[in-house]
Amino acid sequence: MDFDINWLAVVVATVAQQILGALWYGVIFRGTWLRAMGKTPEDIERESPGGEMAFGAVASLLSAIALAVLMTGLDDPTIADGVTMGAVAGIGLVAASTFMNGFYEQKKPILSALFGAYYTLGLIAAGAILGAWR
């Protein structure tokens, strides 16, 4: 197999996922996420999020690479192909396993919904970038 990957597109897709994460957990759903985690803004400020953010960036990079590899199987992928691949990976793989793990770990369902939706949207954005940037 020949994996002809646009590495610059992979990096941009990774950055897009990280920006979405900052907006998702830092702005849009901050209060919901904090309540579901049983934390306050002060708790988060006391913690040093550097390690978690670095780990998240590596995870986003790996998911962007995996999506790019999957998309090499498509003939001349488009933005629509990338969105579709991102949605399938996000819903069928990430969100499904997130909900399953959350159920078995007896986590609040809202956490699984937040995590699964964030990662699905992140993969959709990454797929769009990868599809657009052939």
C-alpha atoms as a PDB file:
ATOM      1  CA  MET A   1       0.000   0.000   0.000  1.00  0.00           C
ATOM      2  CA  ASP A   2       1.121   3.490  -0.803  1.00  0.00           C
ATOM      3  CA  PHE A   3       0.227   6.069   1.832  1.00  0.00           C
ATOM      4  CA  ASP A   4       0.541   9.372   0.011  1.00  0.00           C
ATOM      5  CA  ILE A   5      -0.179  11.710   2.932  1.00  0.00           C
ATOM      6  CA  ASN A   6      -0.139  15.497   2.886  1.00  0.00           C
ATOM      7  CA  TRP A   7       1.705  16.063   6.171  1.00  0.00           C
ATOM      8  CA  LEU A   8       1.016  19.787   6.225  1.00  0.00           C
ATOM      9  CA  ALA A   9      -2.714  19.049   5.989  1.00  0.00           C
ATOM     10  CA  VAL A  10      -2.312  16.573   8.873  1.00  0.00           C
ATOM     11  CA  VAL A  11      -0.689  19.280  11.014  1.00  0.00           C
ATOM     12  CA  VAL A  12      -3.412  21.801  10.124  1.00  0.00           C
ATOM     13  CA  ALA A  13      -6.089  19.182  10.920  1.00  0.00           C
ATOM     14  CA  THR A  14      -4.415  18.574  14.281  1.00  0.00           C
ATOM     15  CA  VAL A  15      -4.375  22.291  15.082  1.00  0.00           C
ATOM     16  CA  ALA A  16      -8.036  22.563  14.056  1.00  0.00           C
ATOM     17  CA  GLN A  17      -8.947  19.765  16.469  1.00  0.00           C
ATOM     18  CA  GLN A  18      -7.048  21.503  19.269  1.00  0.00           C
ATOM     19  CA  ILE A  19      -8.758  24.833  18.583  1.00  0.00           C
ATOM     20  CA  LEU A  20     -12.132  23.081  18.618  1.00  0.00           C
ATOM     21  CA  GLY A  21     -11.217  21.459  21.945  1.00  0.00           C
ATOM     22  CA  ALA A  22     -10.283  24.819  23.467  1.00  0.00           C
ATOM     23  CA  LEU A  23     -13.594  26.299  22.352  1.00  0.00           C
ATOM     24  CA  TRP A  24     -15.620  23.199  23.287  1.00  0.00           C
ATOM     25  CA  TYR A  25     -14.299  22.748  26.820  1.00  0.00           C
ATOM     26  CA  GLY A  26     -13.098  26.279  27.515  1.00  0.00           C
ATOM     27  CA  VAL A  27     -16.026  28.318  26.210  1.00  0.00           C
ATOM     28  CA  ILE A  28     -19.068  26.543  24.754  1.00  0.00           C
ATOM     29  CA  PHE A  29     -19.551  23.698  27.252  1.00  0.00           C
ATOM     30  CA  ARG A  30     -17.221  24.835  30.042  1.00  0.00           C
ATOM     31  CA  GLY A  31     -19.908  24.985  32.737  1.00  0.00           C
ATOM     32  CA  THR A  32     -21.543  21.718  31.689  1.00  0.00           C
ATOM     33  CA  TRP A  33     -18.203  19.931  31.533  1.00  0.00           C
ATOM     34  CA  LEU A  34     -17.048  21.286  34.908  1.00  0.00           C
ATOM     35  CA  ARG A  35     -20.307  20.283  36.625  1.00  0.00           C
ATOM     36  CA  ALA A  36     -20.208  16.808  35.079  1.00  0.00           C
ATOM     37  CA  MET A  37     -16.604  16.402  36.234  1.00  0.00           C
ATOM     38  CA  GLY A  38     -17.480  17.671  39.708  1.00  0.00           C
ATOM     39  CA  LYS A  39     -14.941  20.480  39.434  1.00  0.00           C
ATOM     40  CA  THR A  40     -14.947  24.244  39.760  1.00  0.00           C
ATOM     41  CA  PRO A  41     -13.079  26.783  37.620  1.00  0.00           C
ATOM     42  CA  GLU A  42     -10.737  27.226  40.584  1.00  0.00           C
ATOM     43  CA  ASP A  43      -9.926  23.500  40.546  1.00  0.00           C
ATOM     44  CA  ILE A  44      -8.926  23.752  36.902  1.00  0.00           C
ATOM     45  CA  GLU A  45      -6.838  26.878  37.515  1.00  0.00           C
ATOM     46  CA  ARG A  46      -4.922  25.107  40.321  1.00  0.00           C
ATOM     47  CA  GLU A  47      -4.122  22.182  38.069  1.00  0.00           C
ATOM     48  CA  SER A  48      -1.419  22.504  35.462  1.00  0.00           C
ATOM     49  CA  PRO A  49      -3.129  21.489  32.199  1.00  0.00           C
ATOM     50  CA  GLY A  50       0.120  21.418  30.208  1.00  0.00           C
ATOM     51  CA  GLY A  51       0.510  17.651  30.330  1.00  0.00           C
ATOM     52  CA  GLU A  52      -3.102  17.008  29.435  1.00  0.00           C
ATOM     53  CA  MET A  53      -2.955  19.488  26.567  1.00  0.00           C
ATOM     54  CA  ALA A  54       0.247  17.921  25.216  1.00  0.00           C
ATOM     55  CA  PHE A  55      -1.310  14.459  25.433  1.00  0.00           C
ATOM     56  CA  GLY A  56      -4.428  15.787  23.673  1.00  0.00           C
ATOM     57  CA  ALA A  57      -2.309  17.268  20.894  1.00  0.00           C
ATOM     58  CA  VAL A  58      -0.532  13.938  20.358  1.00  0.00           C
ATOM     59  CA  ALA A  59      -3.881  12.103  20.349  1.00  0.00           C
ATOM     60  CA  SER A  60      -5.266  14.593  17.810  1.00  0.00           C
ATOM     61  CA  LEU A  61      -2.168  14.154  15.658  1.00  0.00           C
ATOM     62  CA  LEU A  62      -2.527  10.370  15.736  1.00  0.00           C
ATOM     63  CA  SER A  63      -6.209  10.564  14.815  1.00  0.00           C
ATOM     64  CA  ALA A  64      -5.449  12.966  11.944  1.00  0.00           C
ATOM     65  CA  ILE A  65      -2.746  10.613  10.671  1.00  0.00           C
ATOM     66  CA  ALA A  66      -5.093   7.608  10.921  1.00  0.00           C
ATOM     67  CA  LEU A  67      -7.818   9.490   9.060  1.00  0.00           C
ATOM     68  CA  ALA A  68      -5.315  10.555   6.384  1.00  0.00           C
ATOM     69  CA  VAL A  69      -4.203   6.935   5.977  1.00  0.00           C
ATOM     70  CA  LEU A  70      -7.822   5.783   5.610  1.00  0.00           C
ATOM     71  CA  MET A  71      -8.459   8.501   3.049  1.00  0.00           C
ATOM     72  CA  THR A  72      -5.555   7.318   0.875  1.00  0.00           C
ATOM     73  CA  GLY A  73      -7.849   4.448  -0.087  1.00  0.00           C
ATOM     74  CA  LEU A  74     -10.171   6.908  -1.827  1.00  0.00           C
ATOM     75  CA  ASP A  75      -9.659   8.006  -5.407  1.00  0.00           C
ATOM     76  CA  ASP A  76      -9.198  11.783  -5.392  1.00  0.00           C
ATOM     77  CA  PRO A  77     -10.960  12.492  -2.058  1.00  0.00           C
ATOM     78  CA  THR A  78     -13.141  15.569  -1.729  1.00  0.00           C
ATOM     79  CA  ILE A  79     -14.248  17.674   1.218  1.00  0.00           C
ATOM     80  CA  ALA A  80     -17.498  15.661   1.293  1.00  0.00           C
ATOM     81  CA  ASP A  81     -15.501  12.414   1.398  1.00  0.00           C
ATOM     82  CA  GLY A  82     -13.442  13.758   4.281  1.00  0.00           C
ATOM     83  CA  VAL A  83     -16.525  14.879   6.193  1.00  0.00           C
ATOM     84  CA  THR A  84     -18.106  11.465   5.659  1.00  0.00           C
ATOM     85  CA  MET A  85     -14.974   9.594   6.749  1.00  0.00           C
ATOM     86  CA  GLY A  86     -14.628  11.835   9.797  1.00  0.00           C
ATOM     87  CA  ALA A  87     -18.275  11.313  10.746  1.00  0.00           C
ATOM     88  CA  VAL A  88     -18.067   7.539  10.333  1.00  0.00           C
ATOM     89  CA  ALA A  89     -14.857   7.341  12.375  1.00  0.00           C
ATOM     90  CA  GLY A  90     -16.189   9.736  14.992  1.00  0.00           C
ATOM     91  CA  ILE A  91     -19.612   8.165  15.455  1.00  0.00           C
ATOM     92  CA  GLY A  92     -18.830   4.542  14.677  1.00  0.00           C
ATOM     93  CA  LEU A  93     -15.501   4.231  16.437  1.00  0.00           C
ATOM     94  CA  VAL A  94     -14.843   7.028  18.903  1.00  0.00           C
ATOM     95  CA  ALA A  95     -18.322   7.954  20.167  1.00  0.00           C
ATOM     96  CA  ALA A  96     -19.458   4.334  20.304  1.00  0.00           C
ATOM     97  CA  SER A  97     -16.451   3.275  22.390  1.00  0.00           C
ATOM     98  CA  THR A  98     -16.697   6.429  24.522  1.00  0.00           C
ATOM     99  CA  PHE A  99     -20.321   5.645  25.407  1.00  0.00           C
ATOM    100  CA  MET A 100     -19.518   1.986  26.034  1.00  0.00           C
ATOM    101  CA  ASN A 101     -16.622   2.825  28.340  1.00  0.00           C
ATOM    102  CA  GLY A 102     -18.619   5.523  30.095  1.00  0.00           C
ATOM    103  CA  PHE A 103     -21.446   3.065  30.710  1.00  0.00           C
ATOM    104  CA  TYR A 104     -19.149   0.410  32.171  1.00  0.00           C
ATOM    105  CA  GLU A 105     -17.251   2.975  34.243  1.00  0.00           C
ATOM    106  CA  GLN A 106     -20.579   4.397  35.461  1.00  0.00           C
ATOM    107  CA  LYS A 107     -19.690   7.904  34.332  1.00  0.00           C
ATOM    108  CA  LYS A 108     -22.302  10.570  33.828  1.00  0.00           C
ATOM    109  CA  PRO A 109     -23.812  10.183  30.333  1.00  0.00           C
ATOM    110  CA  ILE A 110     -23.272  13.891  29.660  1.00  0.00           C
ATOM    111  CA  LEU A 111     -19.500  13.295  29.808  1.00  0.00           C
ATOM    112  CA  SER A 112     -19.717  10.597  27.143  1.00  0.00           C
ATOM    113  CA  ALA A 113     -21.916  12.877  25.042  1.00  0.00           C
ATOM    114  CA  LEU A 114     -19.482  15.786  25.390  1.00  0.00           C
ATOM    115  CA  PHE A 115     -16.420  13.660  24.636  1.00  0.00           C
ATOM    116  CA  GLY A 116     -18.020  11.731  21.767  1.00  0.00           C
ATOM    117  CA  ALA A 117     -19.513  14.830  20.133  1.00  0.00           C
ATOM    118  CA  TYR A 118     -16.265  16.803  20.467  1.00  0.00           C
ATOM    119  CA  TYR A 119     -14.160  14.087  18.916  1.00  0.00           C
ATOM    120  CA  THR A 120     -16.701  13.415  16.163  1.00  0.00           C
ATOM    121  CA  LEU A 121     -16.776  17.097  15.209  1.00  0.00           C
ATOM    122  CA  GLY A 122     -12.984  17.208  15.412  1.00  0.00           C
ATOM    123  CA  LEU A 123     -12.687  14.267  13.030  1.00  0.00           C
ATOM    124  CA  ILE A 124     -15.250  15.815  10.684  1.00  0.00           C
ATOM    125  CA  ALA A 125     -13.189  19.038  10.620  1.00  0.00           C
ATOM    126  CA  ALA A 126      -9.975  17.058  10.133  1.00  0.00           C
ATOM    127  CA  GLY A 127     -11.564  15.059   7.321  1.00  0.00           C
ATOM    128  CA  ALA A 128     -12.762  18.209   5.598  1.00  0.00           C
ATOM    129  CA  ILE A 129      -9.259  19.677   5.769  1.00  0.00           C
ATOM    130  CA  LEU A 130      -7.660  16.484   4.512  1.00  0.00           C
ATOM    131  CA  GLY A 131     -10.231  16.151   1.708  1.00  0.00           C
ATOM    132  CA  ALA A 132      -9.873  19.755   0.638  1.00  0.00           C
ATOM    133  CA  TRP A 133      -6.098  19.755   0.749  1.00  0.00           C
ATOM    134  CA  ARG A 134      -5.203  16.958  -1.621  1.00  0.00           C
END
